[in-house]
PDB file of N, CA and C in Angstrom:
ATOM      1  N   MET A   1     -22.980  41.018 -21.530  1.00  0.00           N
ATOM      2  CA  MET A   1     -21.528  40.468 -20.952  1.00  0.00           C
ATOM      3  C   MET A   1     -21.956  38.802 -19.840  1.00  0.00           C
ATOM      4  N   ARG A   2     -21.907  37.791 -20.482  1.00  0.00           N
ATOM      5  CA  ARG A   2     -22.496  36.686 -20.092  1.00  0.00           C
ATOM      6  C   ARG A   2     -21.202  36.589 -18.731  1.00  0.00           C
ATOM      7  N   LEU A   3     -21.389  35.940 -17.647  1.00  0.00           N
ATOM      8  CA  LEU A   3     -20.507  35.334 -17.088  1.00  0.00           C
ATOM      9  C   LEU A   3     -21.250  33.984 -16.756  1.00  0.00           C
ATOM     10  N   LEU A   4     -19.848  32.774 -16.901  1.00  0.00           N
ATOM     11  CA  LEU A   4     -19.420  32.062 -16.338  1.00  0.00           C
ATOM     12  C   LEU A   4     -20.039  31.627 -15.090  1.00  0.00           C
ATOM     13  N   ALA A   5     -20.642  30.025 -14.927  1.00  0.00           N
ATOM     14  CA  ALA A   5     -20.530  29.818 -13.044  1.00  0.00           C
ATOM     15  C   ALA A   5     -19.061  29.235 -13.087  1.00  0.00           C
ATOM     16  N   ARG A   6     -18.681  28.788 -12.379  1.00  0.00           N
ATOM     17  CA  ARG A   6     -17.291  28.263 -12.018  1.00  0.00           C
ATOM     18  C   ARG A   6     -18.236  27.126 -11.124  1.00  0.00           C
ATOM     19  N   LYS A   7     -17.463  25.876 -11.536  1.00  0.00           N
ATOM     20  CA  LYS A   7     -17.234  24.766 -11.288  1.00  0.00           C
ATOM     21  C   LYS A   7     -16.165  24.630 -10.168  1.00  0.00           C
ATOM     22  N   THR A   8     -16.761  24.291  -8.729  1.00  0.00           N
ATOM     23  CA  THR A   8     -15.983  23.740  -7.723  1.00  0.00           C
ATOM     24  C   THR A   8     -15.253  22.318  -8.049  1.00  0.00           C
ATOM     25  N   VAL A   9     -13.862  22.446  -7.383  1.00  0.00           N
ATOM     26  CA  VAL A   9     -13.517  21.362  -7.857  1.00  0.00           C
ATOM     27  C   VAL A   9     -12.624  21.138  -6.125  1.00  0.00           C
ATOM     28  N   SER A  10     -13.453  19.614  -5.704  1.00  0.00           N
ATOM     29  CA  SER A  10     -12.698  19.041  -4.317  1.00  0.00           C
ATOM     30  C   SER A  10     -11.595  18.204  -4.059  1.00  0.00           C
ATOM     31  N   GLN A  11     -10.152  18.785  -4.182  1.00  0.00           N
ATOM     32  CA  GLN A  11      -9.546  17.559  -4.342  1.00  0.00           C
ATOM     33  C   GLN A  11      -9.420  16.641  -2.744  1.00  0.00           C
ATOM     34  N   GLN A  12      -8.902  15.482  -2.890  1.00  0.00           N
ATOM     35  CA  GLN A  12      -8.696  15.139  -1.294  1.00  0.00           C
ATOM     36  C   GLN A  12      -7.143  14.384  -1.504  1.00  0.00           C
ATOM     37  N   THR A  13      -6.720  14.645  -0.186  1.00  0.00           N
ATOM     38  CA  THR A  13      -5.083  13.957  -0.399  1.00  0.00           C
ATOM     39  C   THR A  13      -5.453  12.610   0.875  1.00  0.00           C
ATOM     40  N   TYR A  14      -4.825  12.109   0.404  1.00  0.00           N
ATOM     41  CA  TYR A  14      -4.879  10.689   1.217  1.00  0.00           C
ATOM     42  C   TYR A  14      -3.615  10.044   1.530  1.00  0.00           C
ATOM     43  N   LYS A  15      -3.179   8.826   2.275  1.00  0.00           N
ATOM     44  CA  LYS A  15      -2.118   8.399   2.527  1.00  0.00           C
ATOM     45  C   LYS A  15      -2.269   7.393   2.302  1.00  0.00           C
ATOM     46  N   ALA A  16      -2.177   6.443   1.488  1.00  0.00           N
ATOM     47  CA  ALA A  16      -2.049   5.048   1.630  1.00  0.00           C
ATOM     48  C   ALA A  16      -0.742   4.217   2.001  1.00  0.00           C
ATOM     49  N   GLN A  17      -1.225   3.196   2.777  1.00  0.00           N
ATOM     50  CA  GLN A  17      -0.391   2.385   3.082  1.00  0.00           C
ATOM     51  C   GLN A  17      -0.475   0.684   2.253  1.00  0.00           C
ATOM     52  N   ILE A  18       0.691   0.410   2.186  1.00  0.00           N
ATOM     53  CA  ILE A  18       0.503  -0.846   1.472  1.00  0.00           C
ATOM     54  C   ILE A  18       1.630  -1.751   1.332  1.00  0.00           C
ATOM     55  N   TYR A  19       0.734  -3.467   1.929  1.00  0.00           N
ATOM     56  CA  TYR A  19       1.694  -4.341   2.793  1.00  0.00           C
ATOM     57  C   TYR A  19       1.888  -4.749   1.284  1.00  0.00           C
ATOM     58  N   VAL A  20       2.856  -5.704   0.552  1.00  0.00           N
ATOM     59  CA  VAL A  20       3.661  -6.696   0.011  1.00  0.00           C
ATOM     60  C   VAL A  20       4.087  -7.785   0.518  1.00  0.00           C
ATOM     61  N   THR A  21       3.206  -9.363   0.742  1.00  0.00           N
ATOM     62  CA  THR A  21       3.546 -10.398   0.864  1.00  0.00           C
ATOM     63  C   THR A  21       3.998 -10.882  -0.206  1.00  0.00           C
ATOM     64  N   LEU A  22       4.719 -12.236   0.785  1.00  0.00           N
ATOM     65  CA  LEU A  22       5.816 -13.557  -0.781  1.00  0.00           C
ATOM     66  C   LEU A  22       3.841 -14.102  -0.453  1.00  0.00           C
ATOM     67  N   ARG A  23       3.195 -14.595  -2.093  1.00  0.00           N
ATOM     68  CA  ARG A  23       2.451 -16.021  -1.665  1.00  0.00           C
ATOM     69  C   ARG A  23       2.880 -16.893  -0.762  1.00  0.00           C
ATOM     70  N   PRO A  24       1.721 -17.232  -0.227  1.00  0.00           N
ATOM     71  CA  PRO A  24       1.973 -18.544   0.915  1.00  0.00           C
ATOM     72  C   PRO A  24       2.954 -20.052  -0.613  1.00  0.00           C
ATOM     73  N   SER A  25       2.950 -19.846  -1.356  1.00  0.00           N
ATOM     74  CA  SER A  25       2.891 -21.447  -2.013  1.00  0.00           C
ATOM     75  C   SER A  25       4.967 -20.763  -2.633  1.00  0.00           C
ATOM     76  N   VAL A  26       5.745 -19.000  -2.776  1.00  0.00           N
ATOM     77  CA  VAL A  26       6.671 -19.155  -2.487  1.00  0.00           C
ATOM     78  C   VAL A  26       7.550 -19.198  -1.491  1.00  0.00           C
ATOM     79  N   LEU A  27       8.984 -19.971  -1.458  1.00  0.00           N
ATOM     80  CA  LEU A  27       9.900 -19.734  -0.229  1.00  0.00           C
ATOM     81  C   LEU A  27      10.461 -18.527  -0.123  1.00  0.00           C
ATOM     82  N   ASP A  28      10.418 -18.341   0.875  1.00  0.00           N
ATOM     83  CA  ASP A  28      10.775 -17.165   1.499  1.00  0.00           C
ATOM     84  C   ASP A  28      12.440 -17.971   2.769  1.00  0.00           C
ATOM     85  N   PRO A  29      13.328 -17.794   1.928  1.00  0.00           N
ATOM     86  CA  PRO A  29      14.369 -18.085   2.221  1.00  0.00           C
ATOM     87  C   PRO A  29      15.289 -16.703   3.517  1.00  0.00           C
ATOM     88  N   ALA A  30      14.651 -15.328   3.175  1.00  0.00           N
ATOM     89  CA  ALA A  30      14.872 -14.737   4.572  1.00  0.00           C
ATOM     90  C   ALA A  30      14.344 -14.500   5.134  1.00  0.00           C
ATOM     91  N   GLY A  31      13.099 -15.186   5.587  1.00  0.00           N
ATOM     92  CA  GLY A  31      12.252 -15.552   6.478  1.00  0.00           C
ATOM     93  C   GLY A  31      12.237 -16.144   7.424  1.00  0.00           C
ATOM     94  N   THR A  32      13.011 -17.270   6.508  1.00  0.00           N
ATOM     95  CA  THR A  32      13.574 -19.456   7.099  1.00  0.00           C
ATOM     96  C   THR A  32      14.812 -18.685   8.306  1.00  0.00           C
ATOM     97  N   ALA A  33      15.789 -17.400   7.779  1.00  0.00           N
ATOM     98  CA  ALA A  33      17.486 -17.310   7.633  1.00  0.00           C
ATOM     99  C   ALA A  33      16.882 -16.863   9.048  1.00  0.00           C
ATOM    100  N   VAL A  34      15.716 -15.554   9.548  1.00  0.00           N
ATOM    101  CA  VAL A  34      15.494 -14.490  10.244  1.00  0.00           C
ATOM    102  C   VAL A  34      14.892 -15.277  11.455  1.00  0.00           C
ATOM    103  N   ALA A  35      13.781 -16.667  11.291  1.00  0.00           N
ATOM    104  CA  ALA A  35      13.263 -17.127  11.483  1.00  0.00           C
ATOM    105  C   ALA A  35      14.290 -18.261  12.442  1.00  0.00           C
ATOM    106  N   SER A  36      15.816 -18.112  12.230  1.00  0.00           N
ATOM    107  CA  SER A  36      16.508 -19.637  12.891  1.00  0.00           C
ATOM    108  C   SER A  36      17.225 -18.125  13.330  1.00  0.00           C
ATOM    109  N   GLY A  37      17.766 -17.222  12.625  1.00  0.00           N
ATOM    110  CA  GLY A  37      18.332 -16.891  14.134  1.00  0.00           C
ATOM    111  C   GLY A  37      17.347 -15.749  15.062  1.00  0.00           C
ATOM    112  N   LEU A  38      16.341 -15.855  15.221  1.00  0.00           N
ATOM    113  CA  LEU A  38      15.815 -15.549  16.051  1.00  0.00           C
ATOM    114  C   LEU A  38      15.804 -17.100  17.201  1.00  0.00           C
ATOM    115  N   GLN A  39      15.289 -17.710  16.798  1.00  0.00           N
ATOM    116  CA  GLN A  39      15.192 -19.446  17.796  1.00  0.00           C
ATOM    117  C   GLN A  39      16.591 -19.254  18.876  1.00  0.00           C
ATOM    118  N   GLN A  40      17.914 -19.026  17.774  1.00  0.00           N
ATOM    119  CA  GLN A  40      18.710 -19.656  18.110  1.00  0.00           C
ATOM    120  C   GLN A  40      19.005 -18.181  19.321  1.00  0.00           C
ATOM    121  N   GLN A  41      18.583 -16.996  19.505  1.00  0.00           N
ATOM    122  CA  GLN A  41      18.600 -15.682  20.151  1.00  0.00           C
ATOM    123  C   GLN A  41      17.976 -15.808  21.501  1.00  0.00           C
ATOM    124  N   GLY A  42      17.355 -17.313  21.201  1.00  0.00           N
ATOM    125  CA  GLY A  42      16.380 -17.904  22.287  1.00  0.00           C
ATOM    126  C   GLY A  42      14.553 -17.740  22.570  1.00  0.00           C
ATOM    127  N   TYR A  43      14.549 -17.517  21.070  1.00  0.00           N
ATOM    128  CA  TYR A  43      13.364 -16.625  21.116  1.00  0.00           C
ATOM    129  C   TYR A  43      12.703 -18.339  20.233  1.00  0.00           C
ATOM    130  N   THR A  44      12.459 -19.666  21.574  1.00  0.00           N
ATOM    131  CA  THR A  44      12.149 -20.469  20.847  1.00  0.00           C
ATOM    132  C   THR A  44      10.489 -21.220  20.406  1.00  0.00           C
ATOM    133  N   GLY A  45       9.842 -19.591  20.938  1.00  0.00           N
ATOM    134  CA  GLY A  45       8.291 -19.548  20.365  1.00  0.00           C
ATOM    135  C   GLY A  45       8.136 -19.078  18.811  1.00  0.00           C
ATOM    136  N   VAL A  46       9.190 -18.876  18.577  1.00  0.00           N
ATOM    137  CA  VAL A  46       9.274 -18.270  16.799  1.00  0.00           C
ATOM    138  C   VAL A  46       8.923 -19.789  15.519  1.00  0.00           C
ATOM    139  N   GLU A  47       7.589 -19.904  14.884  1.00  0.00           N
ATOM    140  CA  GLU A  47       7.806 -21.047  14.492  1.00  0.00           C
ATOM    141  C   GLU A  47       8.095 -20.585  13.286  1.00  0.00           C
ATOM    142  N   ALA A  48       7.664 -19.594  12.471  1.00  0.00           N
ATOM    143  CA  ALA A  48       7.551 -19.143  11.008  1.00  0.00           C
ATOM    144  C   ALA A  48       7.606 -17.906  10.841  1.00  0.00           C
ATOM    145  N   VAL A  49       8.755 -17.220  10.301  1.00  0.00           N
ATOM    146  CA  VAL A  49       8.449 -15.685   9.601  1.00  0.00           C
ATOM    147  C   VAL A  49       8.956 -15.957   7.578  1.00  0.00           C
ATOM    148  N   ARG A  50       7.760 -14.617   7.921  1.00  0.00           N
ATOM    149  CA  ARG A  50       7.640 -14.175   6.693  1.00  0.00           C
ATOM    150  C   ARG A  50       8.047 -12.705   6.554  1.00  0.00           C
ATOM    151  N   ILE A  51       8.767 -12.434   5.217  1.00  0.00           N
ATOM    152  CA  ILE A  51       8.997 -11.734   5.362  1.00  0.00           C
ATOM    153  C   ILE A  51       8.384 -10.900   3.954  1.00  0.00           C
ATOM    154  N   GLY A  52       8.444  -9.029   4.499  1.00  0.00           N
ATOM    155  CA  GLY A  52       7.240  -8.636   3.308  1.00  0.00           C
ATOM    156  C   GLY A  52       8.197  -6.872   3.000  1.00  0.00           C
ATOM    157  N   LYS A  53       6.862  -6.202   2.667  1.00  0.00           N
ATOM    158  CA  LYS A  53       7.502  -4.939   2.338  1.00  0.00           C
ATOM    159  C   LYS A  53       6.308  -3.972   2.878  1.00  0.00           C
ATOM    160  N   TYR A  54       6.574  -2.710   3.520  1.00  0.00           N
ATOM    161  CA  TYR A  54       5.647  -1.886   3.529  1.00  0.00           C
ATOM    162  C   TYR A  54       5.909  -0.426   2.904  1.00  0.00           C
ATOM    163  N   ILE A  55       4.708   0.544   2.332  1.00  0.00           N
ATOM    164  CA  ILE A  55       5.123   1.393   1.613  1.00  0.00           C
ATOM    165  C   ILE A  55       4.426   2.963   2.114  1.00  0.00           C
ATOM    166  N   GLN A  56       4.429   2.961   2.189  1.00  0.00           N
ATOM    167  CA  GLN A  56       3.528   4.611   2.450  1.00  0.00           C
ATOM    168  C   GLN A  56       3.262   5.856   1.429  1.00  0.00           C
ATOM    169  N   LEU A  57       2.330   6.070   0.871  1.00  0.00           N
ATOM    170  CA  LEU A  57       2.849   7.293   0.012  1.00  0.00           C
ATOM    171  C   LEU A  57       1.510   7.590   0.056  1.00  0.00           C
ATOM    172  N   THR A  58       1.117   8.724  -0.288  1.00  0.00           N
ATOM    173  CA  THR A  58       0.540  10.618  -0.490  1.00  0.00           C
ATOM    174  C   THR A  58       0.335  10.419  -1.893  1.00  0.00           C
ATOM    175  N   LEU A  59      -1.675  10.433  -1.988  1.00  0.00           N
ATOM    176  CA  LEU A  59      -1.896  11.114  -3.170  1.00  0.00           C
ATOM    177  C   LEU A  59      -2.818  12.342  -3.398  1.00  0.00           C
ATOM    178  N   THR A  60      -2.762  12.916  -4.365  1.00  0.00           N
ATOM    179  CA  THR A  60      -4.150  14.108  -4.712  1.00  0.00           C
ATOM    180  C   THR A  60      -5.005  13.404  -5.552  1.00  0.00           C
ATOM    181  N   THR A  61      -6.227  13.126  -5.532  1.00  0.00           N
ATOM    182  CA  THR A  61      -7.348  13.028  -6.158  1.00  0.00           C
ATOM    183  C   THR A  61      -8.442  13.592  -5.806  1.00  0.00           C
ATOM    184  N   ASP A  62      -9.464  13.151  -7.378  1.00  0.00           N
ATOM    185  CA  ASP A  62     -10.736  13.888  -6.413  1.00  0.00           C
ATOM    186  C   ASP A  62     -12.152  12.761  -5.859  1.00  0.00           C
ATOM    187  N   THR A  63     -11.756  11.645  -5.856  1.00  0.00           N
ATOM    188  CA  THR A  63     -13.044  10.831  -4.861  1.00  0.00           C
ATOM    189  C   THR A  63     -11.971   9.772  -4.733  1.00  0.00           C
ATOM    190  N   GLU A  64     -12.376   9.102  -3.487  1.00  0.00           N
ATOM    191  CA  GLU A  64     -11.843   7.716  -2.792  1.00  0.00           C
ATOM    192  C   GLU A  64     -11.717   7.034  -3.895  1.00  0.00           C
ATOM    193  N   ALA A  65     -12.596   6.466  -4.764  1.00  0.00           N
ATOM    194  CA  ALA A  65     -12.434   5.782  -5.595  1.00  0.00           C
ATOM    195  C   ALA A  65     -11.958   5.556  -6.648  1.00  0.00           C
ATOM    196  N   SER A  66     -11.337   7.196  -6.855  1.00  0.00           N
ATOM    197  CA  SER A  66     -10.781   7.570  -7.460  1.00  0.00           C
ATOM    198  C   SER A  66      -9.282   6.807  -7.200  1.00  0.00           C
ATOM    199  N   ALA A  67      -9.090   7.165  -6.227  1.00  0.00           N
ATOM    200  CA  ALA A  67      -7.385   6.759  -4.615  1.00  0.00           C
ATOM    201  C   ALA A  67      -7.420   5.639  -5.079  1.00  0.00           C
ATOM    202  N   ARG A  68      -8.254   4.825  -4.850  1.00  0.00           N
ATOM    203  CA  ARG A  68      -8.188   3.431  -4.538  1.00  0.00           C
ATOM    204  C   ARG A  68      -7.840   2.363  -5.685  1.00  0.00           C
ATOM    205  N   GLU A  69      -8.634   3.101  -6.872  1.00  0.00           N
ATOM    206  CA  GLU A  69      -7.927   2.925  -8.339  1.00  0.00           C
ATOM    207  C   GLU A  69      -6.377   2.485  -8.709  1.00  0.00           C
ATOM    208  N   GLN A  70      -5.965   4.114  -8.521  1.00  0.00           N
ATOM    209  CA  GLN A  70      -4.653   4.368  -8.558  1.00  0.00           C
ATOM    210  C   GLN A  70      -3.729   3.666  -7.825  1.00  0.00           C
ATOM    211  N   VAL A  71      -3.938   3.762  -6.657  1.00  0.00           N
ATOM    212  CA  VAL A  71      -2.841   2.777  -5.820  1.00  0.00           C
ATOM    213  C   VAL A  71      -3.203   1.214  -6.325  1.00  0.00           C
ATOM    214  N   ASP A  72      -4.125   0.583  -6.451  1.00  0.00           N
ATOM    215  CA  ASP A  72      -4.342  -1.078  -7.025  1.00  0.00           C
ATOM    216  C   ASP A  72      -3.944  -0.880  -8.444  1.00  0.00           C
ATOM    217  N   ARG A  73      -3.982   0.182  -8.969  1.00  0.00           N
ATOM    218  CA  ARG A  73      -2.526   0.202 -10.808  1.00  0.00           C
ATOM    219  C   ARG A  73      -1.584  -0.252  -9.796  1.00  0.00           C
ATOM    220  N   MET A  74      -0.923   0.818  -9.356  1.00  0.00           N
ATOM    221  CA  MET A  74       0.143   1.189  -8.840  1.00  0.00           C
ATOM    222  C   MET A  74       1.012   0.025  -8.272  1.00  0.00           C
ATOM    223  N   CYS A  75       0.683  -0.922  -7.274  1.00  0.00           N
ATOM    224  CA  CYS A  75       0.742  -2.216  -6.913  1.00  0.00           C
ATOM    225  C   CYS A  75       1.309  -2.914  -8.046  1.00  0.00           C
ATOM    226  N   HIS A  76      -0.058  -3.002  -8.841  1.00  0.00           N
ATOM    227  CA  HIS A  76      -0.800  -4.442  -9.512  1.00  0.00           C
ATOM    228  C   HIS A  76       1.116  -3.907 -10.817  1.00  0.00           C
ATOM    229  N   GLN A  77       1.390  -2.994 -11.162  1.00  0.00           N
ATOM    230  CA  GLN A  77       2.380  -2.364 -11.692  1.00  0.00           C
ATOM    231  C   GLN A  77       3.815  -2.059 -11.707  1.00  0.00           C
ATOM    232  N   LEU A  78       4.223  -1.863 -10.228  1.00  0.00           N
ATOM    233  CA  LEU A  78       5.220  -1.084 -10.093  1.00  0.00           C
ATOM    234  C   LEU A  78       5.529  -2.091  -8.405  1.00  0.00           C
ATOM    235  N   LEU A  79       4.703  -1.749  -7.617  1.00  0.00           N
ATOM    236  CA  LEU A  79       5.503  -2.025  -6.471  1.00  0.00           C
ATOM    237  C   LEU A  79       5.496  -3.939  -6.253  1.00  0.00           C
ATOM    238  N   ALA A  80       4.278  -4.398  -6.342  1.00  0.00           N
ATOM    239  CA  ALA A  80       4.447  -5.729  -6.094  1.00  0.00           C
ATOM    240  C   ALA A  80       4.129  -6.287  -7.610  1.00  0.00           C
ATOM    241  N   ASN A  81       5.508  -7.773  -7.568  1.00  0.00           N
ATOM    242  CA  ASN A  81       5.456  -9.062  -8.366  1.00  0.00           C
ATOM    243  C   ASN A  81       3.375  -9.426  -8.229  1.00  0.00           C
ATOM    244  N   PRO A  82       3.295  -8.834  -8.821  1.00  0.00           N
ATOM    245  CA  PRO A  82       2.090 -10.219  -8.721  1.00  0.00           C
ATOM    246  C   PRO A  82       1.713 -11.986  -9.483  1.00  0.00           C
ATOM    247  N   VAL A  83       3.057 -12.159  -9.809  1.00  0.00           N
ATOM    248  CA  VAL A  83       3.275 -13.431  -9.929  1.00  0.00           C
ATOM    249  C   VAL A  83       3.445 -13.973  -9.297  1.00  0.00           C
ATOM    250  N   ILE A  84       4.678 -13.322  -8.106  1.00  0.00           N
ATOM    251  CA  ILE A  84       5.128 -14.208  -6.493  1.00  0.00           C
ATOM    252  C   ILE A  84       4.582 -13.511  -4.935  1.00  0.00           C
ATOM    253  N   GLU A  85       3.952 -12.363  -5.140  1.00  0.00           N
ATOM    254  CA  GLU A  85       3.408 -11.399  -4.327  1.00  0.00           C
ATOM    255  C   GLU A  85       1.996 -10.982  -3.476  1.00  0.00           C
ATOM    256  N   ASN A  86       1.492 -11.153  -3.048  1.00  0.00           N
ATOM    257  CA  ASN A  86       0.169  -9.973  -2.918  1.00  0.00           C
ATOM    258  C   ASN A  86       0.549  -8.962  -2.623  1.00  0.00           C
ATOM    259  N   TYR A  87      -0.612  -8.026  -1.861  1.00  0.00           N
ATOM    260  CA  TYR A  87      -0.426  -7.423  -1.588  1.00  0.00           C
ATOM    261  C   TYR A  87      -1.805  -6.662  -1.059  1.00  0.00           C
ATOM    262  N   SER A  88      -1.955  -5.217  -0.277  1.00  0.00           N
ATOM    263  CA  SER A  88      -3.278  -5.507   0.431  1.00  0.00           C
ATOM    264  C   SER A  88      -3.188  -3.796   0.679  1.00  0.00           C
ATOM    265  N   PHE A  89      -3.914  -2.805   0.840  1.00  0.00           N
ATOM    266  CA  PHE A  89      -3.713  -1.280   1.191  1.00  0.00           C
ATOM    267  C   PHE A  89      -5.111  -0.970   1.922  1.00  0.00           C
ATOM    268  N   GLU A  90      -4.403   0.454   2.318  1.00  0.00           N
ATOM    269  CA  GLU A  90      -5.206   1.026   3.942  1.00  0.00           C
ATOM    270  C   GLU A  90      -5.154   2.067   3.155  1.00  0.00           C
ATOM    271  N   LEU A  91      -6.361   3.199   3.124  1.00  0.00           N
ATOM    272  CA  LEU A  91      -6.550   4.598   2.605  1.00  0.00           C
ATOM    273  C   LEU A  91      -7.038   5.445   4.265  1.00  0.00           C
ATOM    274  N   GLN A  92      -6.349   6.209   3.904  1.00  0.00           N
ATOM    275  CA  GLN A  92      -6.537   7.289   5.563  1.00  0.00           C
ATOM    276  C   GLN A  92      -6.999   8.813   4.494  1.00  0.00           C
ATOM    277  N   GLN A  93      -7.499   9.671   4.646  1.00  0.00           N
ATOM    278  CA  GLN A  93      -7.855  10.621   4.303  1.00  0.00           C
ATOM    279  C   GLN A  93      -7.297  11.601   4.812  1.00  0.00           C
ATOM    280  N   LEU A  94      -6.533  12.225   4.559  1.00  0.00           N
ATOM    281  CA  LEU A  94      -6.034  13.888   5.205  1.00  0.00           C
ATOM    282  C   LEU A  94      -6.235  14.853   5.480  1.00  0.00           C
ATOM    283  N   ALA A  95      -6.632  15.517   3.991  1.00  0.00           N
ATOM    284  CA  ALA A  95      -7.487  16.695   3.581  1.00  0.00           C
ATOM    285  C   ALA A  95      -8.250  16.510   2.716  1.00  0.00           C
ATOM    286  N   THR A  96      -8.990  17.838   2.660  1.00  0.00           N
ATOM    287  CA  THR A  96      -9.565  18.003   1.021  1.00  0.00           C
ATOM    288  C   THR A  96      -9.423  19.462   0.739  1.00  0.00           C
ATOM    289  N   THR A  97      -9.297  19.994  -0.291  1.00  0.00           N
ATOM    290  CA  THR A  97      -8.381  21.171  -0.795  1.00  0.00           C
ATOM    291  C   THR A  97      -9.608  21.503  -1.914  1.00  0.00           C
ATOM    292  N   VAL A  98     -10.555  22.772  -1.522  1.00  0.00           N
ATOM    293  CA  VAL A  98     -11.513  23.056  -2.598  1.00  0.00           C
ATOM    294  C   VAL A  98     -10.873  23.683  -3.782  1.00  0.00           C
ATOM    295  N   GLY A  99     -10.895  23.914  -4.333  1.00  0.00           N
ATOM    296  CA  GLY A  99     -10.632  25.173  -5.397  1.00  0.00           C
ATOM    297  C   GLY A  99     -11.468  25.595  -6.714  1.00  0.00           C
ATOM    298  N   GLY A 100     -11.400  26.634  -7.572  1.00  0.00           N
ATOM    299  CA  GLY A 100     -12.606  27.189  -8.505  1.00  0.00           C
ATOM    300  C   GLY A 100     -11.765  26.831  -9.375  1.00  0.00           C
TER     301      GLY A 100
END
């Protein structure tokens, strides 16, 4: 009887913090409205406001490179509109799970 060696699989959990903003060439009427409102409330030093989105998600994968690739695809395909928005993200490793 032959025993097969079990391959140890390590899974890592990451938190992704994603920032989505309008491209500089795209007008931001919501940002203009907020800037105006702040100035009317006495915050006269506010010169410009740009409104964006903040998205936080957790994912589990085998490598950091895989996590980065997946988050980049998520942003490009669903979380941001690449025609009018830019995005950036940060990854933080939360945990490692070893399975066999």
